[in-house]
Amino acid sequence: MKSLNTLMVICLLVIAGESHADGAYTDAKALLEDAIRQDSVSGVMGGEIADAFSSQFSTKGLLLVEARVIGSFKEEGCKRIGLRFTQEGVATPKGNTEVHLNMTINYCLNGDIPNPAEQI
């Protein structure tokens, strides 16, 4: 079974690609950019990230995602973003449940990673 570290790497590496519409995201870049512009967003994640979660937990349940700004940097358009992924429909010996993965990432609208020493 793949580790959660593999899921985290996939989430962070899928930063190029398609756009989003109405809270449906297919890549991390659009999600992170919307969070920076709006301070907080949520929706349903699709694409490679959702596929990785589905594979990890052997489910076809929805992958919900929430992203919110939790810090700022001196650089314009650069934020620290808290992410929460919720995989629905995960089978356990006690029945179906949800699995949550929380993580943070530093990101800029121009695609750069901000200097952590410049966090304000």
PDB file of N, CA and C in Angstrom:
ATOM      1  N   MET A   1       0.846  -1.178   0.000  1.00  0.00           N
ATOM      2  CA  MET A   1       0.000   0.000   0.000  1.00  0.00           C
ATOM      3  C   MET A   1       0.892   1.242   0.000  1.00  0.00           C
ATOM      4  N   LYS A   2       0.539   2.214  -0.820  1.00  0.00           N
ATOM      5  CA  LYS A   2       1.307   3.454  -0.882  1.00  0.00           C
ATOM      6  C   LYS A   2       1.198   4.197   0.442  1.00  0.00           C
ATOM      7  N   SER A   3       2.216   4.946   0.750  1.00  0.00           N
ATOM      8  CA  SER A   3       2.190   5.708   2.003  1.00  0.00           C
ATOM      9  C   SER A   3       1.499   7.051   1.800  1.00  0.00           C
ATOM     10  N   LEU A   4       1.120   7.671   2.905  1.00  0.00           N
ATOM     11  CA  LEU A   4       0.529   9.014   2.828  1.00  0.00           C
ATOM     12  C   LEU A   4       1.546  10.015   2.306  1.00  0.00           C
ATOM     13  N   ASN A   5       2.828   9.757   2.529  1.00  0.00           N
ATOM     14  CA  ASN A   5       3.853  10.647   1.982  1.00  0.00           C
ATOM     15  C   ASN A   5       3.767  10.693   0.467  1.00  0.00           C
ATOM     16  N   THR A   6       3.471   9.580  -0.165  1.00  0.00           N
ATOM     17  CA  THR A   6       3.314   9.547  -1.611  1.00  0.00           C
ATOM     18  C   THR A   6       2.151  10.432  -2.027  1.00  0.00           C
ATOM     19  N   LEU A   7       1.052  10.377  -1.300  1.00  0.00           N
ATOM     20  CA  LEU A   7      -0.090  11.242  -1.600  1.00  0.00           C
ATOM     21  C   LEU A   7       0.289  12.710  -1.480  1.00  0.00           C
ATOM     22  N   MET A   8       1.022  13.045  -0.442  1.00  0.00           N
ATOM     23  CA  MET A   8       1.419  14.439  -0.251  1.00  0.00           C
ATOM     24  C   MET A   8       2.298  14.905  -1.404  1.00  0.00           C
ATOM     25  N   VAL A   9       3.222  14.075  -1.837  1.00  0.00           N
ATOM     26  CA  VAL A   9       4.097  14.438  -2.954  1.00  0.00           C
ATOM     27  C   VAL A   9       3.273  14.636  -4.221  1.00  0.00           C
ATOM     28  N   ILE A  10       2.344  13.745  -4.493  1.00  0.00           N
ATOM     29  CA  ILE A  10       1.495  13.886  -5.676  1.00  0.00           C
ATOM     30  C   ILE A  10       0.710  15.183  -5.614  1.00  0.00           C
ATOM     31  N   CYS A  11       0.157  15.489  -4.452  1.00  0.00           N
ATOM     32  CA  CYS A  11      -0.614  16.730  -4.293  1.00  0.00           C
ATOM     33  C   CYS A  11       0.234  17.953  -4.602  1.00  0.00           C
ATOM     34  N   LEU A  12       1.465  17.926  -4.163  1.00  0.00           N
ATOM     35  CA  LEU A  12       2.329  19.084  -4.355  1.00  0.00           C
ATOM     36  C   LEU A  12       2.908  19.162  -5.760  1.00  0.00           C
ATOM     37  N   LEU A  13       3.043  18.052  -6.435  1.00  0.00           N
ATOM     38  CA  LEU A  13       3.652  18.052  -7.762  1.00  0.00           C
ATOM     39  C   LEU A  13       2.670  18.347  -8.881  1.00  0.00           C
ATOM     40  N   VAL A  14       1.396  18.146  -8.659  1.00  0.00           N
ATOM     41  CA  VAL A  14       0.416  18.381  -9.709  1.00  0.00           C
ATOM     42  C   VAL A  14       0.058  19.869  -9.696  1.00  0.00           C
ATOM     43  N   ILE A  15       0.991  20.687 -10.160  1.00  0.00           N
ATOM     44  CA  ILE A  15       0.828  22.138 -10.095  1.00  0.00           C
ATOM     45  C   ILE A  15       0.726  22.727 -11.506  1.00  0.00           C
ATOM     46  N   ALA A  16       0.482  21.956 -12.494  1.00  0.00           N
ATOM     47  CA  ALA A  16       0.318  22.492 -13.834  1.00  0.00           C
ATOM     48  C   ALA A  16      -0.897  21.825 -14.448  1.00  0.00           C
ATOM     49  N   GLY A  17      -1.592  22.531 -15.291  1.00  0.00           N
ATOM     50  CA  GLY A  17      -2.667  21.839 -15.977  1.00  0.00           C
ATOM     51  C   GLY A  17      -3.921  22.634 -16.174  1.00  0.00           C
ATOM     52  N   GLU A  18      -5.017  22.002 -15.870  1.00  0.00           N
ATOM     53  CA  GLU A  18      -6.321  22.481 -16.270  1.00  0.00           C
ATOM     54  C   GLU A  18      -6.887  23.517 -15.310  1.00  0.00           C
ATOM     55  N   SER A  19      -7.987  24.130 -15.737  1.00  0.00           N
ATOM     56  CA  SER A  19      -8.627  25.147 -14.914  1.00  0.00           C
ATOM     57  C   SER A  19      -9.745  24.527 -14.081  1.00  0.00           C
ATOM     58  N   HIS A  20     -10.431  25.369 -13.343  1.00  0.00           N
ATOM     59  CA  HIS A  20     -11.502  24.930 -12.462  1.00  0.00           C
ATOM     60  C   HIS A  20     -12.784  25.661 -12.839  1.00  0.00           C
ATOM     61  N   ALA A  21     -13.892  25.171 -12.349  1.00  0.00           N
ATOM     62  CA  ALA A  21     -15.165  25.847 -12.556  1.00  0.00           C
ATOM     63  C   ALA A  21     -16.105  25.454 -11.421  1.00  0.00           C
ATOM     64  N   ASP A  22     -16.722  26.452 -10.808  1.00  0.00           N
ATOM     65  CA  ASP A  22     -17.736  26.215  -9.784  1.00  0.00           C
ATOM     66  C   ASP A  22     -17.271  25.301  -8.661  1.00  0.00           C
ATOM     67  N   GLY A  23     -16.057  25.512  -8.136  1.00  0.00           N
ATOM     68  CA  GLY A  23     -15.579  24.724  -7.019  1.00  0.00           C
ATOM     69  C   GLY A  23     -15.128  23.328  -7.387  1.00  0.00           C
ATOM     70  N   ALA A  24     -14.983  23.041  -8.673  1.00  0.00           N
ATOM     71  CA  ALA A  24     -14.453  21.754  -9.117  1.00  0.00           C
ATOM     72  C   ALA A  24     -13.029  21.999  -9.596  1.00  0.00           C
ATOM     73  N   TYR A  25     -12.074  21.357  -8.951  1.00  0.00           N
ATOM     74  CA  TYR A  25     -10.663  21.559  -9.270  1.00  0.00           C
ATOM     75  C   TYR A  25     -10.067  20.279  -9.837  1.00  0.00           C
ATOM     76  N   THR A  26      -9.216  20.440 -10.844  1.00  0.00           N
ATOM     77  CA  THR A  26      -8.527  19.288 -11.417  1.00  0.00           C
ATOM     78  C   THR A  26      -7.019  19.378 -11.223  1.00  0.00           C
ATOM     79  N   ASP A  27      -6.556  20.475 -10.662  1.00  0.00           N
ATOM     80  CA  ASP A  27      -5.133  20.611 -10.372  1.00  0.00           C
ATOM     81  C   ASP A  27      -4.921  21.533  -9.183  1.00  0.00           C
ATOM     82  N   ALA A  28      -3.778  21.394  -8.565  1.00  0.00           N
ATOM     83  CA  ALA A  28      -3.467  22.155  -7.359  1.00  0.00           C
ATOM     84  C   ALA A  28      -3.220  23.629  -7.655  1.00  0.00           C
ATOM     85  N   LYS A  29      -2.680  23.946  -8.813  1.00  0.00           N
ATOM     86  CA  LYS A  29      -2.356  25.333  -9.140  1.00  0.00           C
ATOM     87  C   LYS A  29      -3.595  26.235  -9.056  1.00  0.00           C
ATOM     88  N   ALA A  30      -4.681  25.827  -9.692  1.00  0.00           N
ATOM     89  CA  ALA A  30      -5.906  26.625  -9.669  1.00  0.00           C
ATOM     90  C   ALA A  30      -6.444  26.768  -8.244  1.00  0.00           C
ATOM     91  N   LEU A  31      -6.384  25.691  -7.479  1.00  0.00           N
ATOM     92  CA  LEU A  31      -6.839  25.719  -6.091  1.00  0.00           C
ATOM     93  C   LEU A  31      -6.022  26.714  -5.274  1.00  0.00           C
ATOM     94  N   LEU A  32      -4.701  26.638  -5.375  1.00  0.00           N
ATOM     95  CA  LEU A  32      -3.828  27.528  -4.612  1.00  0.00           C
ATOM     96  C   LEU A  32      -4.022  28.977  -5.028  1.00  0.00           C
ATOM     97  N   GLU A  33      -4.136  29.231  -6.320  1.00  0.00           N
ATOM     98  CA  GLU A  33      -4.341  30.600  -6.798  1.00  0.00           C
ATOM     99  C   GLU A  33      -5.675  31.162  -6.316  1.00  0.00           C
ATOM    100  N   ASP A  34      -6.730  30.366  -6.364  1.00  0.00           N
ATOM    101  CA  ASP A  34      -8.028  30.835  -5.860  1.00  0.00           C
ATOM    102  C   ASP A  34      -7.962  31.129  -4.365  1.00  0.00           C
ATOM    103  N   ALA A  35      -7.283  30.287  -3.612  1.00  0.00           N
ATOM    104  CA  ALA A  35      -7.154  30.517  -2.163  1.00  0.00           C
ATOM    105  C   ALA A  35      -6.427  31.838  -1.903  1.00  0.00           C
ATOM    106  N   ILE A  36      -5.371  32.107  -2.648  1.00  0.00           N
ATOM    107  CA  ILE A  36      -4.628  33.358  -2.462  1.00  0.00           C
ATOM    108  C   ILE A  36      -5.513  34.546  -2.789  1.00  0.00           C
ATOM    109  N   ARG A  37      -6.261  34.474  -3.866  1.00  0.00           N
ATOM    110  CA  ARG A  37      -7.100  35.601  -4.301  1.00  0.00           C
ATOM    111  C   ARG A  37      -8.337  35.804  -3.421  1.00  0.00           C
ATOM    112  N   GLN A  38      -8.885  34.707  -2.867  1.00  0.00           N
ATOM    113  CA  GLN A  38     -10.161  34.796  -2.148  1.00  0.00           C
ATOM    114  C   GLN A  38     -10.038  34.532  -0.649  1.00  0.00           C
ATOM    115  N   ASP A  39      -8.850  34.226  -0.158  1.00  0.00           N
ATOM    116  CA  ASP A  39      -8.568  33.900   1.245  1.00  0.00           C
ATOM    117  C   ASP A  39      -9.045  32.513   1.667  1.00  0.00           C
ATOM    118  N   SER A  40     -10.101  31.998   1.053  1.00  0.00           N
ATOM    119  CA  SER A  40     -10.610  30.678   1.424  1.00  0.00           C
ATOM    120  C   SER A  40     -11.472  30.135   0.291  1.00  0.00           C
ATOM    121  N   VAL A  41     -11.240  28.882  -0.102  1.00  0.00           N
ATOM    122  CA  VAL A  41     -12.052  28.231  -1.129  1.00  0.00           C
ATOM    123  C   VAL A  41     -12.283  26.773  -0.743  1.00  0.00           C
ATOM    124  N   SER A  42     -13.301  26.189  -1.332  1.00  0.00           N
ATOM    125  CA  SER A  42     -13.556  24.763  -1.125  1.00  0.00           C
ATOM    126  C   SER A  42     -14.226  24.212  -2.368  1.00  0.00           C
ATOM    127  N   GLY A  43     -14.151  22.894  -2.516  1.00  0.00           N
ATOM    128  CA  GLY A  43     -14.773  22.277  -3.673  1.00  0.00           C
ATOM    129  C   GLY A  43     -14.467  20.799  -3.733  1.00  0.00           C
ATOM    130  N   VAL A  44     -14.640  20.258  -4.923  1.00  0.00           N
ATOM    131  CA  VAL A  44     -14.380  18.849  -5.187  1.00  0.00           C
ATOM    132  C   VAL A  44     -13.122  18.767  -6.041  1.00  0.00           C
ATOM    133  N   MET A  45     -12.187  17.909  -5.648  1.00  0.00           N
ATOM    134  CA  MET A  45     -10.943  17.731  -6.383  1.00  0.00           C
ATOM    135  C   MET A  45     -11.078  16.547  -7.326  1.00  0.00           C
ATOM    136  N   GLY A  46     -10.618  16.724  -8.544  1.00  0.00           N
ATOM    137  CA  GLY A  46     -10.580  15.657  -9.532  1.00  0.00           C
ATOM    138  C   GLY A  46      -9.153  15.489 -10.033  1.00  0.00           C
ATOM    139  N   GLY A  47      -8.990  14.845 -11.140  1.00  0.00           N
ATOM    140  CA  GLY A  47      -7.681  14.701 -11.765  1.00  0.00           C
ATOM    141  C   GLY A  47      -6.759  13.732 -11.039  1.00  0.00           C
ATOM    142  N   GLU A  48      -5.461  13.948 -11.227  1.00  0.00           N
ATOM    143  CA  GLU A  48      -4.449  13.036 -10.687  1.00  0.00           C
ATOM    144  C   GLU A  48      -4.463  12.958  -9.165  1.00  0.00           C
ATOM    145  N   ILE A  49      -4.742  14.067  -8.514  1.00  0.00           N
ATOM    146  CA  ILE A  49      -4.770  14.053  -7.049  1.00  0.00           C
ATOM    147  C   ILE A  49      -5.909  13.160  -6.563  1.00  0.00           C
ATOM    148  N   ALA A  50      -7.096  13.321  -7.130  1.00  0.00           N
ATOM    149  CA  ALA A  50      -8.237  12.483  -6.734  1.00  0.00           C
ATOM    150  C   ALA A  50      -7.971  11.021  -7.068  1.00  0.00           C
ATOM    151  N   ASP A  51      -7.349  10.772  -8.213  1.00  0.00           N
ATOM    152  CA  ASP A  51      -7.018   9.398  -8.589  1.00  0.00           C
ATOM    153  C   ASP A  51      -6.078   8.763  -7.574  1.00  0.00           C
ATOM    154  N   ALA A  52      -5.098   9.535  -7.087  1.00  0.00           N
ATOM    155  CA  ALA A  52      -4.145   9.009  -6.100  1.00  0.00           C
ATOM    156  C   ALA A  52      -4.852   8.666  -4.788  1.00  0.00           C
ATOM    157  N   PHE A  53      -5.748   9.529  -4.348  1.00  0.00           N
ATOM    158  CA  PHE A  53      -6.504   9.241  -3.124  1.00  0.00           C
ATOM    159  C   PHE A  53      -7.388   8.010  -3.319  1.00  0.00           C
ATOM    160  N   SER A  54      -8.092   7.943  -4.453  1.00  0.00           N
ATOM    161  CA  SER A  54      -8.965   6.798  -4.731  1.00  0.00           C
ATOM    162  C   SER A  54      -8.186   5.496  -4.723  1.00  0.00           C
ATOM    163  N   SER A  55      -7.010   5.529  -5.311  1.00  0.00           N
ATOM    164  CA  SER A  55      -6.164   4.339  -5.337  1.00  0.00           C
ATOM    165  C   SER A  55      -5.679   3.975  -3.937  1.00  0.00           C
ATOM    166  N   GLN A  56      -5.241   4.979  -3.194  1.00  0.00           N
ATOM    167  CA  GLN A  56      -4.719   4.762  -1.843  1.00  0.00           C
ATOM    168  C   GLN A  56      -5.764   4.117  -0.939  1.00  0.00           C
ATOM    169  N   PHE A  57      -7.004   4.579  -1.046  1.00  0.00           N
ATOM    170  CA  PHE A  57      -8.041   4.146  -0.112  1.00  0.00           C
ATOM    171  C   PHE A  57      -9.091   3.234  -0.751  1.00  0.00           C
ATOM    172  N   SER A  58      -8.840   2.799  -1.980  1.00  0.00           N
ATOM    173  CA  SER A  58      -9.744   1.869  -2.683  1.00  0.00           C
ATOM    174  C   SER A  58     -11.196   2.331  -2.629  1.00  0.00           C
ATOM    175  N   THR A  59     -11.423   3.559  -3.080  1.00  0.00           N
ATOM    176  CA  THR A  59     -12.769   4.116  -3.069  1.00  0.00           C
ATOM    177  C   THR A  59     -12.993   4.977  -4.299  1.00  0.00           C
ATOM    178  N   LYS A  60     -14.220   5.147  -4.650  1.00  0.00           N
ATOM    179  CA  LYS A  60     -14.614   6.067  -5.718  1.00  0.00           C
ATOM    180  C   LYS A  60     -15.380   7.253  -5.136  1.00  0.00           C
ATOM    181  N   GLY A  61     -15.337   7.399  -3.804  1.00  0.00           N
ATOM    182  CA  GLY A  61     -16.012   8.515  -3.144  1.00  0.00           C
ATOM    183  C   GLY A  61     -15.402   9.844  -3.544  1.00  0.00           C
ATOM    184  N   LEU A  62     -16.142  10.909  -3.321  1.00  0.00           N
ATOM    185  CA  LEU A  62     -15.659  12.250  -3.654  1.00  0.00           C
ATOM    186  C   LEU A  62     -14.444  12.615  -2.811  1.00  0.00           C
ATOM    187  N   LEU A  63     -13.557  13.393  -3.410  1.00  0.00           N
ATOM    188  CA  LEU A  63     -12.435  13.986  -2.682  1.00  0.00           C
ATOM    189  C   LEU A  63     -12.745  15.472  -2.540  1.00  0.00           C
ATOM    190  N   LEU A  64     -13.092  15.869  -1.326  1.00  0.00           N
ATOM    191  CA  LEU A  64     -13.387  17.267  -1.042  1.00  0.00           C
ATOM    192  C   LEU A  64     -12.102  17.970  -0.646  1.00  0.00           C
ATOM    193  N   VAL A  65     -12.013  19.269  -0.955  1.00  0.00           N
ATOM    194  CA  VAL A  65     -10.816  20.024  -0.618  1.00  0.00           C
ATOM    195  C   VAL A  65     -11.209  21.409  -0.105  1.00  0.00           C
ATOM    196  N   GLU A  66     -10.478  21.842   0.916  1.00  0.00           N
ATOM    197  CA  GLU A  66     -10.616  23.193   1.459  1.00  0.00           C
ATOM    198  C   GLU A  66      -9.221  23.799   1.484  1.00  0.00           C
ATOM    199  N   ALA A  67      -9.117  25.067   1.109  1.00  0.00           N
ATOM    200  CA  ALA A  67      -7.837  25.765   1.146  1.00  0.00           C
ATOM    201  C   ALA A  67      -8.078  27.159   1.705  1.00  0.00           C
ATOM    202  N   ARG A  68      -7.220  27.554   2.669  1.00  0.00           N
ATOM    203  CA  ARG A  68      -7.386  28.898   3.244  1.00  0.00           C
ATOM    204  C   ARG A  68      -6.022  29.492   3.555  1.00  0.00           C
ATOM    205  N   VAL A  69      -5.941  30.792   3.412  1.00  0.00           N
ATOM    206  CA  VAL A  69      -4.708  31.510   3.715  1.00  0.00           C
ATOM    207  C   VAL A  69      -4.510  31.515   5.228  1.00  0.00           C
ATOM    208  N   ILE A  70      -3.322  31.104   5.666  1.00  0.00           N
ATOM    209  CA  ILE A  70      -3.009  31.093   7.098  1.00  0.00           C
ATOM    210  C   ILE A  70      -1.781  31.935   7.426  1.00  0.00           C
ATOM    211  N   GLY A  71      -1.189  32.554   6.408  1.00  0.00           N
ATOM    212  CA  GLY A  71      -0.025  33.409   6.633  1.00  0.00           C
ATOM    213  C   GLY A  71       0.315  34.171   5.371  1.00  0.00           C
ATOM    214  N   SER A  72       1.134  35.205   5.531  1.00  0.00           N
ATOM    215  CA  SER A  72       1.534  36.045   4.403  1.00  0.00           C
ATOM    216  C   SER A  72       3.040  36.215   4.375  1.00  0.00           C
ATOM    217  N   PHE A  73       3.524  36.660   3.222  1.00  0.00           N
ATOM    218  CA  PHE A  73       4.937  36.944   3.018  1.00  0.00           C
ATOM    219  C   PHE A  73       5.086  38.365   2.504  1.00  0.00           C
ATOM    220  N   LYS A  74       6.286  38.905   2.601  1.00  0.00           N
ATOM    221  CA  LYS A  74       6.546  40.263   2.119  1.00  0.00           C
ATOM    222  C   LYS A  74       6.303  40.365   0.615  1.00  0.00           C
ATOM    223  N   GLU A  75       6.591  39.298  -0.113  1.00  0.00           N
ATOM    224  CA  GLU A  75       6.408  39.304  -1.561  1.00  0.00           C
ATOM    225  C   GLU A  75       4.923  39.400  -1.919  1.00  0.00           C
ATOM    226  N   GLU A  76       4.612  40.250  -2.868  1.00  0.00           N
ATOM    227  CA  GLU A  76       3.236  40.423  -3.339  1.00  0.00           C
ATOM    228  C   GLU A  76       2.691  39.102  -3.891  1.00  0.00           C
ATOM    229  N   GLY A  77       1.469  38.731  -3.507  1.00  0.00           N
ATOM    230  CA  GLY A  77       0.824  37.534  -4.031  1.00  0.00           C
ATOM    231  C   GLY A  77       1.359  36.235  -3.481  1.00  0.00           C
ATOM    232  N   CYS A  78       2.082  36.285  -2.362  1.00  0.00           N
ATOM    233  CA  CYS A  78       2.654  35.070  -1.769  1.00  0.00           C
ATOM    234  C   CYS A  78       2.006  34.801  -0.404  1.00  0.00           C
ATOM    235  N   LYS A  79       1.545  33.571  -0.203  1.00  0.00           N
ATOM    236  CA  LYS A  79       0.826  33.225   1.019  1.00  0.00           C
ATOM    237  C   LYS A  79       1.216  31.834   1.501  1.00  0.00           C
ATOM    238  N   ARG A  80       0.936  31.574   2.765  1.00  0.00           N
ATOM    239  CA  ARG A  80       0.999  30.226   3.336  1.00  0.00           C
ATOM    240  C   ARG A  80      -0.438  29.725   3.370  1.00  0.00           C
ATOM    241  N   ILE A  81      -0.668  28.558   2.793  1.00  0.00           N
ATOM    242  CA  ILE A  81      -2.023  28.053   2.612  1.00  0.00           C
ATOM    243  C   ILE A  81      -2.189  26.736   3.359  1.00  0.00           C
ATOM    244  N   GLY A  82      -3.254  26.649   4.138  1.00  0.00           N
ATOM    245  CA  GLY A  82      -3.614  25.400   4.801  1.00  0.00           C
ATOM    246  C   GLY A  82      -4.583  24.640   3.912  1.00  0.00           C
ATOM    247  N   LEU A  83      -4.291  23.373   3.673  1.00  0.00           N
ATOM    248  CA  LEU A  83      -5.124  22.524   2.835  1.00  0.00           C
ATOM    249  C   LEU A  83      -5.706  21.385   3.663  1.00  0.00           C
ATOM    250  N   ARG A  84      -6.954  21.045   3.390  1.00  0.00           N
ATOM    251  CA  ARG A  84      -7.587  19.887   4.028  1.00  0.00           C
ATOM    252  C   ARG A  84      -8.299  19.091   2.943  1.00  0.00           C
ATOM    253  N   PHE A  85      -7.830  17.870   2.735  1.00  0.00           N
ATOM    254  CA  PHE A  85      -8.454  16.943   1.806  1.00  0.00           C
ATOM    255  C   PHE A  85      -9.312  15.972   2.608  1.00  0.00           C
ATOM    256  N   THR A  86     -10.528  15.728   2.147  1.00  0.00           N
ATOM    257  CA  THR A  86     -11.426  14.782   2.791  1.00  0.00           C
ATOM    258  C   THR A  86     -11.864  13.749   1.753  1.00  0.00           C
ATOM    259  N   GLN A  87     -11.398  12.515   1.933  1.00  0.00           N
ATOM    260  CA  GLN A  87     -11.786  11.421   1.036  1.00  0.00           C
ATOM    261  C   GLN A  87     -13.006  10.725   1.630  1.00  0.00           C
ATOM    262  N   GLU A  88     -14.094  10.732   0.885  1.00  0.00           N
ATOM    263  CA  GLU A  88     -15.322  10.096   1.338  1.00  0.00           C
ATOM    264  C   GLU A  88     -15.364   8.631   0.914  1.00  0.00           C
ATOM    265  N   GLY A  89     -16.159   7.845   1.633  1.00  0.00           N
ATOM    266  CA  GLY A  89     -16.441   6.474   1.240  1.00  0.00           C
ATOM    267  C   GLY A  89     -15.312   5.486   1.434  1.00  0.00           C
ATOM    268  N   VAL A  90     -14.501   5.687   2.460  1.00  0.00           N
ATOM    269  CA  VAL A  90     -13.389   4.772   2.733  1.00  0.00           C
ATOM    270  C   VAL A  90     -13.900   3.637   3.614  1.00  0.00           C
ATOM    271  N   ALA A  91     -13.752   2.402   3.119  1.00  0.00           N
ATOM    272  CA  ALA A  91     -14.238   1.230   3.857  1.00  0.00           C
ATOM    273  C   ALA A  91     -13.270   0.868   4.972  1.00  0.00           C
ATOM    274  N   THR A  92     -13.827   0.632   6.160  1.00  0.00           N
ATOM    275  CA  THR A  92     -13.062   0.160   7.312  1.00  0.00           C
ATOM    276  C   THR A  92     -13.817  -1.016   7.915  1.00  0.00           C
ATOM    277  N   PRO A  93     -13.202  -1.749   8.834  1.00  0.00           N
ATOM    278  CA  PRO A  93     -13.922  -2.854   9.485  1.00  0.00           C
ATOM    279  C   PRO A  93     -15.193  -2.401  10.201  1.00  0.00           C
ATOM    280  N   LYS A  94     -15.269  -1.134  10.559  1.00  0.00           N
ATOM    281  CA  LYS A  94     -16.446  -0.607  11.259  1.00  0.00           C
ATOM    282  C   LYS A  94     -17.414   0.103  10.318  1.00  0.00           C
ATOM    283  N   GLY A  95     -17.188   0.006   9.013  1.00  0.00           N
ATOM    284  CA  GLY A  95     -18.070   0.646   8.039  1.00  0.00           C
ATOM    285  C   GLY A  95     -17.361   1.752   7.277  1.00  0.00           C
ATOM    286  N   ASN A  96     -18.096   2.424   6.406  1.00  0.00           N
ATOM    287  CA  ASN A  96     -17.523   3.509   5.612  1.00  0.00           C
ATOM    288  C   ASN A  96     -17.294   4.741   6.475  1.00  0.00           C
ATOM    289  N   THR A  97     -16.236   5.461   6.152  1.00  0.00           N
ATOM    290  CA  THR A  97     -15.885   6.666   6.893  1.00  0.00           C
ATOM    291  C   THR A  97     -15.191   7.649   5.953  1.00  0.00           C
ATOM    292  N   GLU A  98     -14.754   8.760   6.510  1.00  0.00           N
ATOM    293  CA  GLU A  98     -13.971   9.754   5.781  1.00  0.00           C
ATOM    294  C   GLU A  98     -12.536   9.709   6.278  1.00  0.00           C
ATOM    295  N   VAL A  99     -11.605  10.012   5.381  1.00  0.00           N
ATOM    296  CA  VAL A  99     -10.205  10.150   5.746  1.00  0.00           C
ATOM    297  C   VAL A  99      -9.817  11.598   5.472  1.00  0.00           C
ATOM    298  N   HIS A 100      -9.082  12.201   6.403  1.00  0.00           N
ATOM    299  CA  HIS A 100      -8.654  13.596   6.263  1.00  0.00           C
ATOM    300  C   HIS A 100      -7.141  13.676   6.163  1.00  0.00           C
ATOM    301  N   LEU A 101      -6.658  14.540   5.271  1.00  0.00           N
ATOM    302  CA  LEU A 101      -5.238  14.830   5.157  1.00  0.00           C
ATOM    303  C   LEU A 101      -5.089  16.339   5.217  1.00  0.00           C
ATOM    304  N   ASN A 102      -4.385  16.820   6.243  1.00  0.00           N
ATOM    305  CA  ASN A 102      -4.125  18.250   6.402  1.00  0.00           C
ATOM    306  C   ASN A 102      -2.676  18.525   6.058  1.00  0.00           C
ATOM    307  N   MET A 103      -2.426  19.610   5.339  1.00  0.00           N
ATOM    308  CA  MET A 103      -1.066  19.996   4.997  1.00  0.00           C
ATOM    309  C   MET A 103      -1.003  21.499   4.770  1.00  0.00           C
ATOM    310  N   THR A 104       0.189  22.032   4.734  1.00  0.00           N
ATOM    311  CA  THR A 104       0.384  23.449   4.432  1.00  0.00           C
ATOM    312  C   THR A 104       1.405  23.572   3.314  1.00  0.00           C
ATOM    313  N   ILE A 105       1.299  24.678   2.577  1.00  0.00           N
ATOM    314  CA  ILE A 105       2.235  24.949   1.490  1.00  0.00           C
ATOM    315  C   ILE A 105       2.414  26.457   1.375  1.00  0.00           C
ATOM    316  N   ASN A 106       3.628  26.867   1.065  1.00  0.00           N
ATOM    317  CA  ASN A 106       3.915  28.258   0.749  1.00  0.00           C
ATOM    318  C   ASN A 106       3.888  28.383  -0.770  1.00  0.00           C
ATOM    319  N   TYR A 107       3.173  29.401  -1.282  1.00  0.00           N
ATOM    320  CA  TYR A 107       2.990  29.503  -2.731  1.00  0.00           C
ATOM    321  C   TYR A 107       2.765  30.956  -3.127  1.00  0.00           C
ATOM    322  N   CYS A 108       3.196  31.301  -4.351  1.00  0.00           N
ATOM    323  CA  CYS A 108       2.998  32.639  -4.916  1.00  0.00           C
ATOM    324  C   CYS A 108       2.171  32.538  -6.189  1.00  0.00           C
ATOM    325  N   LEU A 109       1.419  33.593  -6.493  1.00  0.00           N
ATOM    326  CA  LEU A 109       0.608  33.615  -7.701  1.00  0.00           C
ATOM    327  C   LEU A 109       1.441  33.436  -8.964  1.00  0.00           C
ATOM    328  N   ASN A 110       2.710  33.843  -8.933  1.00  0.00           N
ATOM    329  CA  ASN A 110       3.556  33.683 -10.114  1.00  0.00           C
ATOM    330  C   ASN A 110       4.163  32.287 -10.213  1.00  0.00           C
ATOM    331  N   GLY A 111       3.801  31.385  -9.288  1.00  0.00           N
ATOM    332  CA  GLY A 111       4.292  30.014  -9.317  1.00  0.00           C
ATOM    333  C   GLY A 111       5.537  29.775  -8.497  1.00  0.00           C
ATOM    334  N   ASP A 112       6.141  30.840  -7.989  1.00  0.00           N
ATOM    335  CA  ASP A 112       7.335  30.695  -7.163  1.00  0.00           C
ATOM    336  C   ASP A 112       6.979  30.208  -5.761  1.00  0.00           C
ATOM    337  N   ILE A 113       8.008  29.805  -5.045  1.00  0.00           N
ATOM    338  CA  ILE A 113       7.872  29.457  -3.620  1.00  0.00           C
ATOM    339  C   ILE A 113       8.503  30.606  -2.854  1.00  0.00           C
ATOM    340  N   PRO A 114       7.771  31.248  -1.945  1.00  0.00           N
ATOM    341  CA  PRO A 114       8.324  32.398  -1.229  1.00  0.00           C
ATOM    342  C   PRO A 114       9.424  32.007  -0.260  1.00  0.00           C
ATOM    343  N   ASN A 115      10.247  32.978   0.064  1.00  0.00           N
ATOM    344  CA  ASN A 115      11.329  32.790   1.029  1.00  0.00           C
ATOM    345  C   ASN A 115      10.712  32.710   2.431  1.00  0.00           C
ATOM    346  N   PRO A 116      10.849  31.548   3.116  1.00  0.00           N
ATOM    347  CA  PRO A 116      10.237  31.408   4.445  1.00  0.00           C
ATOM    348  C   PRO A 116      10.717  32.436   5.450  1.00  0.00           C
ATOM    349  N   ALA A 117      11.918  32.966   5.254  1.00  0.00           N
ATOM    350  CA  ALA A 117      12.452  33.965   6.181  1.00  0.00           C
ATOM    351  C   ALA A 117      11.700  35.287   6.070  1.00  0.00           C
ATOM    352  N   GLU A 118      10.930  35.467   5.012  1.00  0.00           N
ATOM    353  CA  GLU A 118      10.201  36.721   4.793  1.00  0.00           C
ATOM    354  C   GLU A 118       8.725  36.614   5.161  1.00  0.00           C
ATOM    355  N   GLN A 119       8.368  35.592   5.947  1.00  0.00           N
ATOM    356  CA  GLN A 119       6.984  35.459   6.391  1.00  0.00           C
ATOM    357  C   GLN A 119       6.676  36.576   7.393  1.00  0.00           C
ATOM    358  N   ILE A 120       5.490  37.174   7.261  1.00  0.00           N
ATOM    359  CA  ILE A 120       5.102  38.249   8.190  1.00  0.00           C
ATOM    360  C   ILE A 120       3.911  37.817   9.013  1.00  0.00           C
TER     361      ILE A 120
END
